[in-house]
């Protein structure tokens, strides 16, 4: 995602660290809004987006459970209201919010995202997109190996199947990232821009754009 700096008019680099879980709908909404903000600001700045793991439910079963059953158990009588709100929000970004399929443990998706980062943060960002599209709009299961490999392939990531085969691959790195980026926050999405400016939640593009301007002016890039 970082673009080359021109010889005559060097752009300031905006680095964005995103803490996110792959089953958090507001994280996907926030990503789409962040992408809009980046697209609107790319003539002014270069960007580097790095994704870091957060686990909303570390003890979620690896084999997965039905999303609808999980949501009913988690939200009780509020489930229809909450799902209705998310459907409305997703319509606002051009997608149909899909509550079919399974939800469950996200560790493998975070292992894959950290692996992708070593092949380029642009590919990591593209993987976050493919995972979100599949899980939130197509009923794909975030813990399904075939889905993860398919998403990685679409994002241009090589060696995903072999990497995921060994459950220890990337594990230490995920836990190091969790320790570094997640211990001081209580929810996601959470953004740190140029190491200093912090935002949380599914912010609209305008909020990101204003923060880019402030970060560039204070010289923290």
N, C-alpha and C. Protein backbone atom coordinates (compact mmCIF):
# COMPACT_ATOMS: atom_id res chain seq x y z
N UNK A 1 0.82 -1.20 0.00
CA UNK A 1 0.00 0.00 0.00
C UNK A 1 0.86 1.25 0.00
N UNK A 2 2.06 1.16 0.57
CA UNK A 2 2.95 2.32 0.50
C UNK A 2 3.37 2.54 -0.94
N UNK A 3 3.24 3.77 -1.41
CA UNK A 3 3.59 4.08 -2.78
C UNK A 3 4.98 4.70 -2.83
N UNK A 4 5.60 4.63 -4.00
CA UNK A 4 6.93 5.20 -4.12
C UNK A 4 6.88 6.72 -4.00
N UNK A 5 7.90 7.27 -3.43
CA UNK A 5 7.96 8.72 -3.22
C UNK A 5 8.57 9.38 -4.44
N UNK A 6 7.92 10.39 -4.94
CA UNK A 6 8.40 11.09 -6.15
C UNK A 6 9.68 11.84 -5.87
N UNK A 7 10.43 12.09 -6.92
CA UNK A 7 11.72 12.77 -6.78
C UNK A 7 11.56 14.25 -6.45
N UNK A 8 10.48 14.87 -6.95
CA UNK A 8 10.36 16.32 -6.81
C UNK A 8 9.52 16.74 -5.61
N UNK A 9 8.51 15.99 -5.31
CA UNK A 9 7.63 16.40 -4.20
C UNK A 9 7.33 15.19 -3.33
N UNK A 10 8.21 14.94 -2.37
CA UNK A 10 8.06 13.78 -1.50
C UNK A 10 6.81 13.92 -0.64
N UNK A 11 6.03 12.85 -0.61
CA UNK A 11 4.83 12.84 0.22
C UNK A 11 5.19 12.33 1.61
N UNK A 12 4.48 12.81 2.61
CA UNK A 12 4.66 12.29 3.96
C UNK A 12 4.00 10.92 4.06
N UNK A 13 4.65 10.05 4.82
CA UNK A 13 4.13 8.71 5.02
C UNK A 13 3.17 8.69 6.20
N UNK A 14 2.00 8.15 5.98
CA UNK A 14 1.03 7.92 7.05
C UNK A 14 1.02 6.43 7.33
N UNK A 15 1.47 6.05 8.51
CA UNK A 15 1.45 4.64 8.90
C UNK A 15 0.25 4.40 9.80
N UNK A 16 -0.50 3.36 9.48
CA UNK A 16 -1.71 3.06 10.23
C UNK A 16 -1.60 1.64 10.78
N UNK A 17 -1.60 1.51 12.09
CA UNK A 17 -1.61 0.21 12.76
C UNK A 17 -3.05 -0.09 13.16
N UNK A 18 -3.57 -1.20 12.66
CA UNK A 18 -4.96 -1.58 12.91
C UNK A 18 -5.01 -2.83 13.76
N UNK A 19 -5.62 -2.74 14.94
CA UNK A 19 -5.91 -3.93 15.74
C UNK A 19 -7.33 -4.35 15.41
N UNK A 20 -7.50 -5.63 15.10
CA UNK A 20 -8.78 -6.08 14.55
C UNK A 20 -8.96 -7.57 14.79
N UNK A 21 -10.22 -7.99 14.87
CA UNK A 21 -10.52 -9.42 14.82
C UNK A 21 -11.31 -9.69 13.55
N UNK A 22 -11.07 -10.83 12.95
CA UNK A 22 -11.65 -11.14 11.65
C UNK A 22 -13.13 -11.49 11.72
N UNK A 23 -13.71 -11.62 12.92
CA UNK A 23 -15.15 -11.84 13.04
C UNK A 23 -15.87 -10.62 13.60
N UNK A 24 -15.19 -9.49 13.62
CA UNK A 24 -15.77 -8.24 14.13
C UNK A 24 -16.34 -7.44 12.96
N UNK A 25 -17.68 -7.33 12.86
CA UNK A 25 -18.26 -6.62 11.71
C UNK A 25 -17.85 -5.16 11.63
N UNK A 26 -17.71 -4.50 12.78
CA UNK A 26 -17.30 -3.09 12.76
C UNK A 26 -15.88 -2.93 12.25
N UNK A 27 -15.06 -3.98 12.39
CA UNK A 27 -13.70 -3.94 11.85
C UNK A 27 -13.74 -3.90 10.32
N UNK A 28 -14.66 -4.67 9.73
CA UNK A 28 -14.78 -4.66 8.28
C UNK A 28 -15.35 -3.33 7.79
N UNK A 29 -16.35 -2.82 8.50
CA UNK A 29 -16.91 -1.51 8.16
C UNK A 29 -15.82 -0.44 8.26
N UNK A 30 -15.05 -0.50 9.34
CA UNK A 30 -13.96 0.46 9.51
C UNK A 30 -12.93 0.37 8.40
N UNK A 31 -12.64 -0.85 7.96
CA UNK A 31 -11.68 -1.02 6.86
C UNK A 31 -12.19 -0.37 5.59
N UNK A 32 -13.45 -0.59 5.27
CA UNK A 32 -14.00 0.00 4.05
C UNK A 32 -13.97 1.53 4.12
N UNK A 33 -14.26 2.08 5.28
CA UNK A 33 -14.20 3.54 5.43
C UNK A 33 -12.77 4.05 5.39
N UNK A 34 -11.86 3.29 5.98
CA UNK A 34 -10.44 3.65 5.91
C UNK A 34 -9.96 3.64 4.46
N UNK A 35 -10.37 2.64 3.70
CA UNK A 35 -9.99 2.57 2.29
C UNK A 35 -10.48 3.79 1.52
N UNK A 36 -11.69 4.23 1.81
CA UNK A 36 -12.22 5.43 1.15
C UNK A 36 -11.38 6.65 1.50
N UNK A 37 -11.01 6.75 2.78
CA UNK A 37 -10.21 7.88 3.22
C UNK A 37 -8.83 7.88 2.57
N UNK A 38 -8.24 6.69 2.47
CA UNK A 38 -6.93 6.57 1.83
C UNK A 38 -7.03 6.94 0.36
N UNK A 39 -8.06 6.45 -0.30
CA UNK A 39 -8.23 6.73 -1.73
C UNK A 39 -8.40 8.23 -1.98
N UNK A 40 -9.08 8.90 -1.06
CA UNK A 40 -9.30 10.34 -1.20
C UNK A 40 -8.07 11.16 -0.84
N UNK A 41 -7.11 10.55 -0.16
CA UNK A 41 -5.94 11.28 0.34
C UNK A 41 -4.63 10.86 -0.32
N UNK A 42 -4.69 9.92 -1.26
CA UNK A 42 -3.44 9.36 -1.80
C UNK A 42 -2.64 10.34 -2.64
N UNK A 43 -3.28 11.42 -3.08
CA UNK A 43 -2.52 12.45 -3.80
C UNK A 43 -1.66 13.28 -2.85
N UNK A 44 -2.01 13.27 -1.57
CA UNK A 44 -1.28 14.04 -0.57
C UNK A 44 -0.25 13.21 0.21
N UNK A 45 -0.59 11.95 0.46
CA UNK A 45 0.23 11.12 1.34
C UNK A 45 0.50 9.75 0.75
N UNK A 46 1.58 9.13 1.21
CA UNK A 46 1.78 7.70 1.03
C UNK A 46 1.26 7.00 2.28
N UNK A 47 0.84 5.76 2.12
CA UNK A 47 0.24 5.04 3.24
C UNK A 47 0.87 3.67 3.43
N UNK A 48 0.98 3.29 4.68
CA UNK A 48 1.38 1.93 5.04
C UNK A 48 0.43 1.45 6.13
N UNK A 49 -0.35 0.43 5.82
CA UNK A 49 -1.33 -0.12 6.77
C UNK A 49 -0.84 -1.48 7.24
N UNK A 50 -0.78 -1.64 8.55
CA UNK A 50 -0.35 -2.91 9.14
C UNK A 50 -1.47 -3.44 10.03
N UNK A 51 -1.79 -4.71 9.87
CA UNK A 51 -2.87 -5.35 10.62
C UNK A 51 -2.31 -6.17 11.77
N UNK A 52 -2.92 -6.00 12.94
CA UNK A 52 -2.49 -6.71 14.14
C UNK A 52 -3.66 -7.49 14.74
N UNK A 53 -3.38 -8.64 15.35
CA UNK A 53 -4.45 -9.49 15.84
C UNK A 53 -5.10 -8.99 17.13
N UNK A 54 -6.37 -9.29 17.23
CA UNK A 54 -7.14 -9.12 18.47
C UNK A 54 -8.12 -10.28 18.48
N UNK A 55 -8.35 -10.88 19.63
CA UNK A 55 -9.26 -12.02 19.70
C UNK A 55 -10.41 -11.71 20.65
N UNK A 56 -11.58 -11.50 20.08
CA UNK A 56 -12.76 -11.19 20.88
C UNK A 56 -13.15 -12.37 21.76
N UNK A 57 -12.91 -13.57 21.27
CA UNK A 57 -13.28 -14.77 22.02
C UNK A 57 -12.21 -15.84 21.81
N UNK A 58 -11.10 -15.74 22.55
CA UNK A 58 -9.98 -16.67 22.35
C UNK A 58 -10.37 -18.13 22.57
N UNK A 59 -11.41 -18.38 23.36
CA UNK A 59 -11.81 -19.76 23.65
C UNK A 59 -12.88 -20.27 22.69
N UNK A 60 -13.18 -19.53 21.64
CA UNK A 60 -14.18 -19.98 20.67
C UNK A 60 -13.75 -21.31 20.06
N UNK A 61 -14.69 -22.19 19.80
CA UNK A 61 -14.33 -23.52 19.30
C UNK A 61 -13.76 -23.48 17.89
N UNK A 62 -12.76 -24.29 17.65
CA UNK A 62 -12.11 -24.35 16.35
C UNK A 62 -13.04 -24.94 15.29
N UNK A 63 -13.91 -25.86 15.72
CA UNK A 63 -14.80 -26.50 14.75
C UNK A 63 -15.96 -25.61 14.33
N UNK A 64 -16.20 -24.52 15.06
CA UNK A 64 -17.21 -23.56 14.67
C UNK A 64 -18.60 -23.90 15.19
N UNK A 65 -19.41 -22.86 15.34
CA UNK A 65 -20.81 -23.00 15.74
C UNK A 65 -21.64 -22.12 14.80
N UNK A 66 -22.92 -22.41 14.69
CA UNK A 66 -23.78 -21.61 13.83
C UNK A 66 -23.80 -20.16 14.30
N UNK A 67 -23.59 -19.23 13.37
CA UNK A 67 -23.59 -17.81 13.72
C UNK A 67 -24.87 -17.42 14.45
N UNK A 68 -26.00 -17.83 13.90
CA UNK A 68 -27.28 -17.41 14.46
C UNK A 68 -27.46 -17.90 15.89
N UNK A 69 -27.02 -19.15 16.15
CA UNK A 69 -27.10 -19.68 17.52
C UNK A 69 -26.19 -18.90 18.45
N UNK A 70 -24.98 -18.59 17.96
CA UNK A 70 -24.02 -17.84 18.77
C UNK A 70 -24.56 -16.45 19.10
N UNK A 71 -25.11 -15.76 18.10
CA UNK A 71 -25.64 -14.41 18.31
C UNK A 71 -26.82 -14.42 19.27
N UNK A 72 -27.68 -15.43 19.14
CA UNK A 72 -28.82 -15.51 20.06
C UNK A 72 -28.36 -15.71 21.50
N UNK A 73 -27.35 -16.55 21.67
CA UNK A 73 -26.83 -16.81 23.01
C UNK A 73 -26.13 -15.58 23.57
N UNK A 74 -25.42 -14.86 22.72
CA UNK A 74 -24.64 -13.71 23.17
C UNK A 74 -25.52 -12.49 23.47
N UNK A 75 -26.48 -12.21 22.58
CA UNK A 75 -27.25 -10.97 22.67
C UNK A 75 -28.67 -11.14 23.22
N UNK A 76 -29.16 -12.37 23.30
CA UNK A 76 -30.48 -12.61 23.85
C UNK A 76 -31.58 -11.87 23.11
N UNK A 77 -32.40 -11.17 23.87
CA UNK A 77 -33.57 -10.49 23.29
C UNK A 77 -33.18 -9.36 22.34
N UNK A 78 -31.94 -8.89 22.41
CA UNK A 78 -31.50 -7.78 21.55
C UNK A 78 -31.00 -8.23 20.19
N UNK A 79 -31.00 -9.55 19.93
CA UNK A 79 -30.34 -10.06 18.74
C UNK A 79 -30.94 -9.50 17.45
N UNK A 80 -32.26 -9.42 17.36
CA UNK A 80 -32.87 -8.91 16.13
C UNK A 80 -32.54 -7.44 15.91
N UNK A 81 -32.55 -6.68 16.99
CA UNK A 81 -32.21 -5.26 16.89
C UNK A 81 -30.76 -5.07 16.42
N UNK A 82 -29.86 -5.85 16.99
CA UNK A 82 -28.43 -5.73 16.65
C UNK A 82 -28.19 -6.17 15.21
N UNK A 83 -28.79 -7.30 14.82
CA UNK A 83 -28.61 -7.78 13.45
C UNK A 83 -29.21 -6.79 12.45
N UNK A 84 -30.35 -6.21 12.80
CA UNK A 84 -30.97 -5.22 11.93
C UNK A 84 -30.09 -4.00 11.74
N UNK A 85 -29.45 -3.58 12.81
CA UNK A 85 -28.54 -2.44 12.74
C UNK A 85 -27.36 -2.76 11.84
N UNK A 86 -26.78 -3.97 11.98
CA UNK A 86 -25.63 -4.33 11.15
C UNK A 86 -26.04 -4.45 9.68
N UNK A 87 -27.22 -4.96 9.41
CA UNK A 87 -27.70 -5.04 8.03
C UNK A 87 -27.78 -3.65 7.41
N UNK A 88 -28.26 -2.70 8.21
CA UNK A 88 -28.37 -1.31 7.74
C UNK A 88 -26.99 -0.71 7.47
N UNK A 89 -26.06 -0.94 8.38
CA UNK A 89 -24.71 -0.41 8.24
C UNK A 89 -24.03 -1.01 7.00
N UNK A 90 -24.17 -2.30 6.81
CA UNK A 90 -23.55 -2.95 5.65
C UNK A 90 -24.19 -2.48 4.35
N UNK A 91 -25.48 -2.25 4.34
CA UNK A 91 -26.10 -1.68 3.14
C UNK A 91 -25.46 -0.34 2.81
N UNK A 92 -25.11 0.41 3.85
CA UNK A 92 -24.50 1.72 3.66
C UNK A 92 -23.13 1.67 3.00
N UNK A 93 -22.45 0.52 3.10
CA UNK A 93 -21.14 0.39 2.44
C UNK A 93 -21.24 -0.53 1.21
N UNK A 94 -22.49 -0.86 0.84
CA UNK A 94 -22.70 -1.57 -0.41
C UNK A 94 -22.72 -3.08 -0.35
N UNK A 95 -22.98 -3.65 0.84
CA UNK A 95 -22.98 -5.10 0.98
C UNK A 95 -24.21 -5.60 1.73
N UNK A 96 -24.50 -6.87 1.51
CA UNK A 96 -25.57 -7.55 2.27
C UNK A 96 -24.92 -8.31 3.42
N UNK A 97 -25.33 -8.00 4.63
CA UNK A 97 -24.78 -8.64 5.82
C UNK A 97 -25.35 -10.04 5.95
N UNK A 98 -24.47 -11.04 5.96
CA UNK A 98 -24.87 -12.44 5.92
C UNK A 98 -24.64 -13.09 7.28
N UNK A 99 -25.70 -13.58 7.90
CA UNK A 99 -25.56 -14.24 9.20
C UNK A 99 -25.65 -15.75 9.08
N UNK A 100 -25.53 -16.29 7.85
CA UNK A 100 -25.53 -17.73 7.68
C UNK A 100 -24.13 -18.28 7.95
N UNK A 101 -24.04 -19.58 8.03
CA UNK A 101 -22.73 -20.21 8.21
C UNK A 101 -22.28 -20.26 9.65
N UNK A 102 -20.99 -20.46 9.82
CA UNK A 102 -20.40 -20.68 11.14
C UNK A 102 -19.55 -19.51 11.59
N UNK A 103 -19.40 -19.40 12.90
CA UNK A 103 -18.40 -18.53 13.50
C UNK A 103 -17.59 -19.37 14.47
N UNK A 104 -16.43 -18.87 14.86
CA UNK A 104 -15.60 -19.66 15.76
C UNK A 104 -14.23 -19.05 15.95
N UNK A 105 -13.26 -19.89 16.23
CA UNK A 105 -11.92 -19.43 16.59
C UNK A 105 -11.23 -18.75 15.40
N UNK A 106 -10.59 -17.63 15.67
CA UNK A 106 -9.98 -16.84 14.61
C UNK A 106 -8.45 -16.95 14.56
N UNK A 107 -7.88 -17.84 15.36
CA UNK A 107 -6.42 -17.90 15.46
C UNK A 107 -5.76 -18.16 14.11
N UNK A 108 -6.29 -19.11 13.34
CA UNK A 108 -5.67 -19.43 12.06
C UNK A 108 -5.69 -18.23 11.11
N UNK A 109 -6.77 -17.47 11.14
CA UNK A 109 -6.84 -16.28 10.27
C UNK A 109 -5.79 -15.26 10.68
N UNK A 110 -5.53 -15.14 11.97
CA UNK A 110 -4.50 -14.20 12.43
C UNK A 110 -3.10 -14.71 12.10
N UNK A 111 -2.91 -16.02 12.19
CA UNK A 111 -1.61 -16.58 11.76
C UNK A 111 -1.37 -16.25 10.29
N UNK A 112 -2.42 -16.39 9.49
CA UNK A 112 -2.29 -16.14 8.06
C UNK A 112 -2.04 -14.67 7.77
N UNK A 113 -2.68 -13.79 8.50
CA UNK A 113 -2.46 -12.35 8.30
C UNK A 113 -1.03 -11.95 8.64
N UNK A 114 -0.49 -12.50 9.72
CA UNK A 114 0.90 -12.18 10.06
C UNK A 114 1.84 -12.73 9.00
N UNK A 115 1.55 -13.91 8.49
CA UNK A 115 2.33 -14.51 7.41
C UNK A 115 2.28 -13.63 6.17
N UNK A 116 1.10 -13.13 5.85
CA UNK A 116 0.93 -12.26 4.68
C UNK A 116 1.75 -10.99 4.80
N UNK A 117 1.86 -10.46 6.02
CA UNK A 117 2.61 -9.23 6.23
C UNK A 117 4.06 -9.34 5.80
N UNK A 118 4.62 -10.54 5.86
CA UNK A 118 6.01 -10.74 5.45
C UNK A 118 6.16 -10.70 3.93
N UNK A 119 5.06 -10.84 3.22
CA UNK A 119 5.10 -10.76 1.75
C UNK A 119 4.70 -9.38 1.25
N UNK A 120 4.40 -8.49 2.19
CA UNK A 120 4.04 -7.12 1.83
C UNK A 120 2.78 -6.68 2.54
N UNK A 121 2.81 -5.47 3.08
CA UNK A 121 1.64 -4.98 3.81
C UNK A 121 0.46 -4.73 2.88
N UNK A 122 0.74 -4.51 1.59
CA UNK A 122 -0.36 -4.39 0.63
C UNK A 122 -1.09 -5.71 0.49
N UNK A 123 -0.34 -6.82 0.50
CA UNK A 123 -0.97 -8.14 0.42
C UNK A 123 -1.72 -8.47 1.72
N UNK A 124 -1.16 -8.07 2.83
CA UNK A 124 -1.85 -8.27 4.11
C UNK A 124 -3.17 -7.52 4.12
N UNK A 125 -3.17 -6.30 3.61
CA UNK A 125 -4.37 -5.49 3.54
C UNK A 125 -5.40 -6.13 2.60
N UNK A 126 -4.92 -6.65 1.49
CA UNK A 126 -5.81 -7.33 0.55
C UNK A 126 -6.40 -8.59 1.17
N UNK A 127 -5.63 -9.29 1.98
CA UNK A 127 -6.14 -10.49 2.65
C UNK A 127 -7.23 -10.12 3.65
N UNK A 128 -7.03 -9.04 4.40
CA UNK A 128 -8.06 -8.59 5.34
C UNK A 128 -9.37 -8.33 4.60
N UNK A 129 -9.27 -7.79 3.41
CA UNK A 129 -10.45 -7.54 2.58
C UNK A 129 -11.14 -8.86 2.19
N UNK A 130 -10.36 -9.81 1.69
CA UNK A 130 -10.94 -11.08 1.23
C UNK A 130 -11.56 -11.86 2.39
N UNK A 131 -10.91 -11.84 3.54
CA UNK A 131 -11.47 -12.53 4.71
C UNK A 131 -12.79 -11.90 5.13
N UNK A 132 -12.83 -10.57 5.13
CA UNK A 132 -14.05 -9.87 5.51
C UNK A 132 -15.19 -10.12 4.54
N UNK A 133 -14.89 -10.05 3.26
CA UNK A 133 -15.92 -10.29 2.24
C UNK A 133 -16.51 -11.68 2.40
N UNK A 134 -15.65 -12.68 2.56
CA UNK A 134 -16.11 -14.04 2.67
C UNK A 134 -16.94 -14.28 3.92
N UNK A 135 -16.42 -13.83 5.04
CA UNK A 135 -17.09 -14.11 6.32
C UNK A 135 -18.37 -13.31 6.49
N UNK A 136 -18.34 -12.04 6.18
CA UNK A 136 -19.49 -11.17 6.48
C UNK A 136 -20.54 -11.11 5.38
N UNK A 137 -20.17 -11.44 4.15
CA UNK A 137 -21.13 -11.27 3.06
C UNK A 137 -21.42 -12.56 2.29
N UNK A 138 -20.67 -13.63 2.55
CA UNK A 138 -20.85 -14.86 1.77
C UNK A 138 -21.05 -16.10 2.64
N UNK A 139 -21.13 -15.93 3.95
CA UNK A 139 -21.37 -17.07 4.83
C UNK A 139 -20.22 -18.04 4.95
N UNK A 140 -18.99 -17.60 4.60
CA UNK A 140 -17.83 -18.48 4.72
C UNK A 140 -17.36 -18.53 6.17
N UNK A 141 -16.75 -19.64 6.55
CA UNK A 141 -16.29 -19.83 7.94
C UNK A 141 -14.84 -19.41 8.08
N UNK A 142 -14.58 -18.53 9.03
CA UNK A 142 -13.25 -17.95 9.23
C UNK A 142 -12.22 -19.00 9.64
N UNK A 143 -12.69 -20.14 10.15
CA UNK A 143 -11.76 -21.18 10.57
C UNK A 143 -11.58 -22.29 9.54
N UNK A 144 -12.21 -22.14 8.38
CA UNK A 144 -12.13 -23.17 7.35
C UNK A 144 -10.84 -23.03 6.55
N UNK A 145 -10.03 -24.07 6.53
CA UNK A 145 -8.73 -24.02 5.88
C UNK A 145 -8.86 -23.70 4.39
N UNK A 146 -9.83 -24.30 3.73
CA UNK A 146 -9.99 -24.06 2.29
C UNK A 146 -10.32 -22.59 2.01
N UNK A 147 -11.18 -22.02 2.84
CA UNK A 147 -11.52 -20.61 2.68
C UNK A 147 -10.30 -19.72 2.89
N UNK A 148 -9.52 -20.00 3.92
CA UNK A 148 -8.33 -19.20 4.20
C UNK A 148 -7.34 -19.26 3.04
N UNK A 149 -7.12 -20.44 2.52
CA UNK A 149 -6.18 -20.59 1.40
C UNK A 149 -6.71 -19.88 0.16
N UNK A 150 -8.01 -20.00 -0.07
CA UNK A 150 -8.64 -19.32 -1.21
C UNK A 150 -8.49 -17.81 -1.09
N UNK A 151 -8.74 -17.27 0.11
CA UNK A 151 -8.61 -15.83 0.34
C UNK A 151 -7.17 -15.38 0.12
N UNK A 152 -6.22 -16.18 0.60
CA UNK A 152 -4.81 -15.85 0.43
C UNK A 152 -4.44 -15.82 -1.04
N UNK A 153 -4.94 -16.77 -1.80
CA UNK A 153 -4.66 -16.82 -3.23
C UNK A 153 -5.19 -15.57 -3.94
N UNK A 154 -6.39 -15.15 -3.60
CA UNK A 154 -6.97 -13.95 -4.19
C UNK A 154 -6.15 -12.71 -3.86
N UNK A 155 -5.52 -12.73 -2.67
CA UNK A 155 -4.71 -11.58 -2.25
C UNK A 155 -3.28 -11.65 -2.77
N UNK A 156 -2.96 -12.68 -3.54
CA UNK A 156 -1.63 -12.80 -4.12
C UNK A 156 -0.58 -13.32 -3.16
N UNK A 157 -1.00 -14.06 -2.14
CA UNK A 157 -0.08 -14.58 -1.13
C UNK A 157 0.32 -16.01 -1.49
N UNK A 158 1.60 -16.27 -1.48
CA UNK A 158 2.12 -17.59 -1.85
C UNK A 158 2.42 -18.43 -0.61
N UNK A 159 2.19 -19.73 -0.74
CA UNK A 159 2.59 -20.66 0.31
C UNK A 159 1.64 -20.76 1.49
N UNK A 160 0.41 -20.28 1.34
CA UNK A 160 -0.52 -20.25 2.47
C UNK A 160 -0.90 -21.64 2.95
N UNK A 161 -1.17 -22.54 2.02
CA UNK A 161 -1.59 -23.89 2.39
C UNK A 161 -0.51 -24.59 3.21
N UNK A 162 0.73 -24.48 2.74
CA UNK A 162 1.84 -25.13 3.44
C UNK A 162 2.05 -24.48 4.82
N UNK A 163 1.92 -23.17 4.87
CA UNK A 163 2.10 -22.46 6.14
C UNK A 163 1.05 -22.90 7.17
N UNK A 164 -0.19 -22.97 6.75
CA UNK A 164 -1.28 -23.31 7.68
C UNK A 164 -1.25 -24.77 8.12
N UNK A 165 -0.58 -25.60 7.33
CA UNK A 165 -0.54 -27.04 7.62
C UNK A 165 0.01 -27.32 9.01
N UNK A 166 1.02 -26.55 9.39
CA UNK A 166 1.63 -26.71 10.72
C UNK A 166 1.01 -25.69 11.67
N UNK A 167 0.26 -26.16 12.69
CA UNK A 167 -0.42 -25.23 13.59
C UNK A 167 0.51 -24.36 14.42
N UNK A 168 1.80 -24.69 14.43
CA UNK A 168 2.76 -23.89 15.20
C UNK A 168 3.32 -22.73 14.38
N UNK A 169 3.18 -22.79 13.07
CA UNK A 169 3.72 -21.72 12.23
C UNK A 169 3.05 -20.38 12.55
N UNK A 170 3.86 -19.39 12.85
CA UNK A 170 3.34 -18.05 13.11
C UNK A 170 2.72 -17.86 14.47
N UNK A 171 2.65 -18.92 15.27
CA UNK A 171 1.95 -18.83 16.55
C UNK A 171 2.63 -17.85 17.50
N UNK A 172 3.94 -17.96 17.63
CA UNK A 172 4.67 -17.06 18.53
C UNK A 172 4.51 -15.61 18.10
N UNK A 173 4.53 -15.38 16.79
CA UNK A 173 4.40 -14.02 16.29
C UNK A 173 3.03 -13.44 16.60
N UNK A 174 1.99 -14.26 16.46
CA UNK A 174 0.64 -13.79 16.79
C UNK A 174 0.57 -13.40 18.26
N UNK A 175 1.09 -14.24 19.13
CA UNK A 175 1.02 -13.94 20.56
C UNK A 175 1.88 -12.73 20.93
N UNK A 176 3.01 -12.55 20.25
CA UNK A 176 3.82 -11.35 20.47
C UNK A 176 3.06 -10.09 20.05
N UNK A 177 2.37 -10.18 18.91
CA UNK A 177 1.59 -9.05 18.43
C UNK A 177 0.41 -8.75 19.36
N UNK A 178 -0.24 -9.81 19.84
CA UNK A 178 -1.33 -9.61 20.80
C UNK A 178 -0.83 -8.88 22.03
N UNK A 179 0.33 -9.30 22.52
CA UNK A 179 0.90 -8.68 23.70
C UNK A 179 1.25 -7.21 23.44
N UNK A 180 1.80 -6.93 22.29
CA UNK A 180 2.28 -5.58 21.98
C UNK A 180 1.13 -4.61 21.67
N UNK A 181 0.13 -5.09 20.93
CA UNK A 181 -0.88 -4.17 20.41
C UNK A 181 -2.26 -4.30 21.06
N UNK A 182 -2.53 -5.39 21.77
CA UNK A 182 -3.90 -5.63 22.23
C UNK A 182 -4.11 -5.52 23.73
N UNK A 183 -3.04 -5.59 24.50
CA UNK A 183 -3.22 -5.64 25.95
C UNK A 183 -3.75 -4.33 26.53
N UNK A 184 -3.52 -3.22 25.84
CA UNK A 184 -3.93 -1.92 26.38
C UNK A 184 -5.25 -1.42 25.80
N UNK A 185 -5.92 -2.24 24.99
CA UNK A 185 -7.20 -1.80 24.41
C UNK A 185 -8.30 -2.75 24.83
N UNK A 186 -9.52 -2.24 24.80
CA UNK A 186 -10.65 -3.03 25.29
C UNK A 186 -11.62 -3.42 24.18
N UNK A 187 -11.35 -3.00 22.96
CA UNK A 187 -12.24 -3.34 21.86
C UNK A 187 -11.63 -2.98 20.53
N UNK A 188 -12.23 -3.48 19.47
CA UNK A 188 -11.76 -3.24 18.11
C UNK A 188 -12.94 -2.86 17.22
N UNK A 189 -12.63 -2.20 16.10
CA UNK A 189 -11.31 -1.86 15.57
C UNK A 189 -10.65 -0.72 16.34
N UNK A 190 -9.33 -0.74 16.35
CA UNK A 190 -8.55 0.30 17.03
C UNK A 190 -7.39 0.68 16.10
N UNK A 191 -7.23 1.97 15.90
CA UNK A 191 -6.26 2.48 14.94
C UNK A 191 -5.26 3.40 15.64
N UNK A 192 -3.98 3.23 15.31
CA UNK A 192 -2.95 4.15 15.76
C UNK A 192 -2.27 4.70 14.51
N UNK A 193 -2.36 6.02 14.33
CA UNK A 193 -1.86 6.66 13.12
C UNK A 193 -0.56 7.39 13.43
N UNK A 194 0.47 7.01 12.71
CA UNK A 194 1.83 7.53 12.93
C UNK A 194 2.28 7.40 14.38
N UNK A 195 1.87 6.28 14.99
CA UNK A 195 2.34 5.94 16.33
C UNK A 195 1.80 6.80 17.45
N UNK A 196 0.86 7.69 17.14
CA UNK A 196 0.45 8.68 18.14
C UNK A 196 -1.06 8.92 18.21
N UNK A 197 -1.69 9.07 17.07
CA UNK A 197 -3.10 9.46 17.03
C UNK A 197 -3.99 8.22 17.03
N UNK A 198 -4.88 8.14 18.00
CA UNK A 198 -5.66 6.92 18.20
C UNK A 198 -7.14 7.14 17.88
N UNK A 199 -7.70 6.16 17.19
CA UNK A 199 -9.13 6.16 16.86
C UNK A 199 -9.68 4.77 17.15
N UNK A 200 -10.95 4.70 17.48
CA UNK A 200 -11.57 3.39 17.70
C UNK A 200 -12.95 3.37 17.06
N UNK A 201 -13.39 2.16 16.70
CA UNK A 201 -14.71 1.98 16.12
C UNK A 201 -14.73 2.18 14.62
N UNK A 202 -15.91 1.95 14.03
CA UNK A 202 -16.06 2.07 12.58
C UNK A 202 -16.21 3.51 12.14
N UNK A 203 -15.14 4.25 12.24
CA UNK A 203 -15.17 5.69 11.96
C UNK A 203 -15.51 5.98 10.49
N UNK A 204 -16.21 7.08 10.22
CA UNK A 204 -16.46 7.48 8.83
C UNK A 204 -15.18 7.96 8.17
N UNK A 205 -15.13 7.95 6.83
CA UNK A 205 -13.91 8.36 6.12
C UNK A 205 -13.41 9.74 6.52
N UNK A 206 -14.32 10.66 6.77
CA UNK A 206 -13.93 12.04 7.09
C UNK A 206 -13.07 12.13 8.34
N UNK A 207 -13.37 11.28 9.31
CA UNK A 207 -12.60 11.29 10.56
C UNK A 207 -11.17 10.82 10.30
N UNK A 208 -11.02 9.77 9.50
CA UNK A 208 -9.68 9.32 9.13
C UNK A 208 -8.92 10.41 8.39
N UNK A 209 -9.59 11.05 7.45
CA UNK A 209 -8.94 12.07 6.63
C UNK A 209 -8.45 13.24 7.49
N UNK A 210 -9.26 13.67 8.43
CA UNK A 210 -8.84 14.75 9.33
C UNK A 210 -7.64 14.33 10.17
N UNK A 211 -7.64 13.07 10.60
CA UNK A 211 -6.53 12.59 11.43
C UNK A 211 -5.25 12.49 10.61
N UNK A 212 -5.36 12.12 9.32
CA UNK A 212 -4.18 12.11 8.46
C UNK A 212 -3.56 13.52 8.42
N UNK A 213 -4.40 14.53 8.27
CA UNK A 213 -3.92 15.90 8.18
C UNK A 213 -3.20 16.33 9.46
N UNK A 214 -3.80 15.98 10.59
CA UNK A 214 -3.20 16.35 11.88
C UNK A 214 -1.87 15.62 12.07
N UNK A 215 -1.85 14.33 11.74
CA UNK A 215 -0.62 13.54 11.89
C UNK A 215 0.49 14.08 11.01
N UNK A 216 0.14 14.51 9.82
CA UNK A 216 1.16 15.06 8.91
C UNK A 216 1.70 16.39 9.40
N UNK A 217 0.83 17.21 9.98
CA UNK A 217 1.26 18.53 10.45
C UNK A 217 2.13 18.47 11.69
N UNK A 218 1.88 17.49 12.55
CA UNK A 218 2.66 17.49 13.80
C UNK A 218 4.04 16.86 13.63
N UNK A 219 4.33 16.42 12.39
CA UNK A 219 5.68 15.93 12.09
C UNK A 219 6.00 14.57 12.65
N UNK A 220 4.97 13.81 13.09
CA UNK A 220 5.22 12.50 13.69
C UNK A 220 5.42 11.42 12.66
N UNK A 221 5.30 11.78 11.37
CA UNK A 221 5.53 10.77 10.35
C UNK A 221 7.01 10.61 10.05
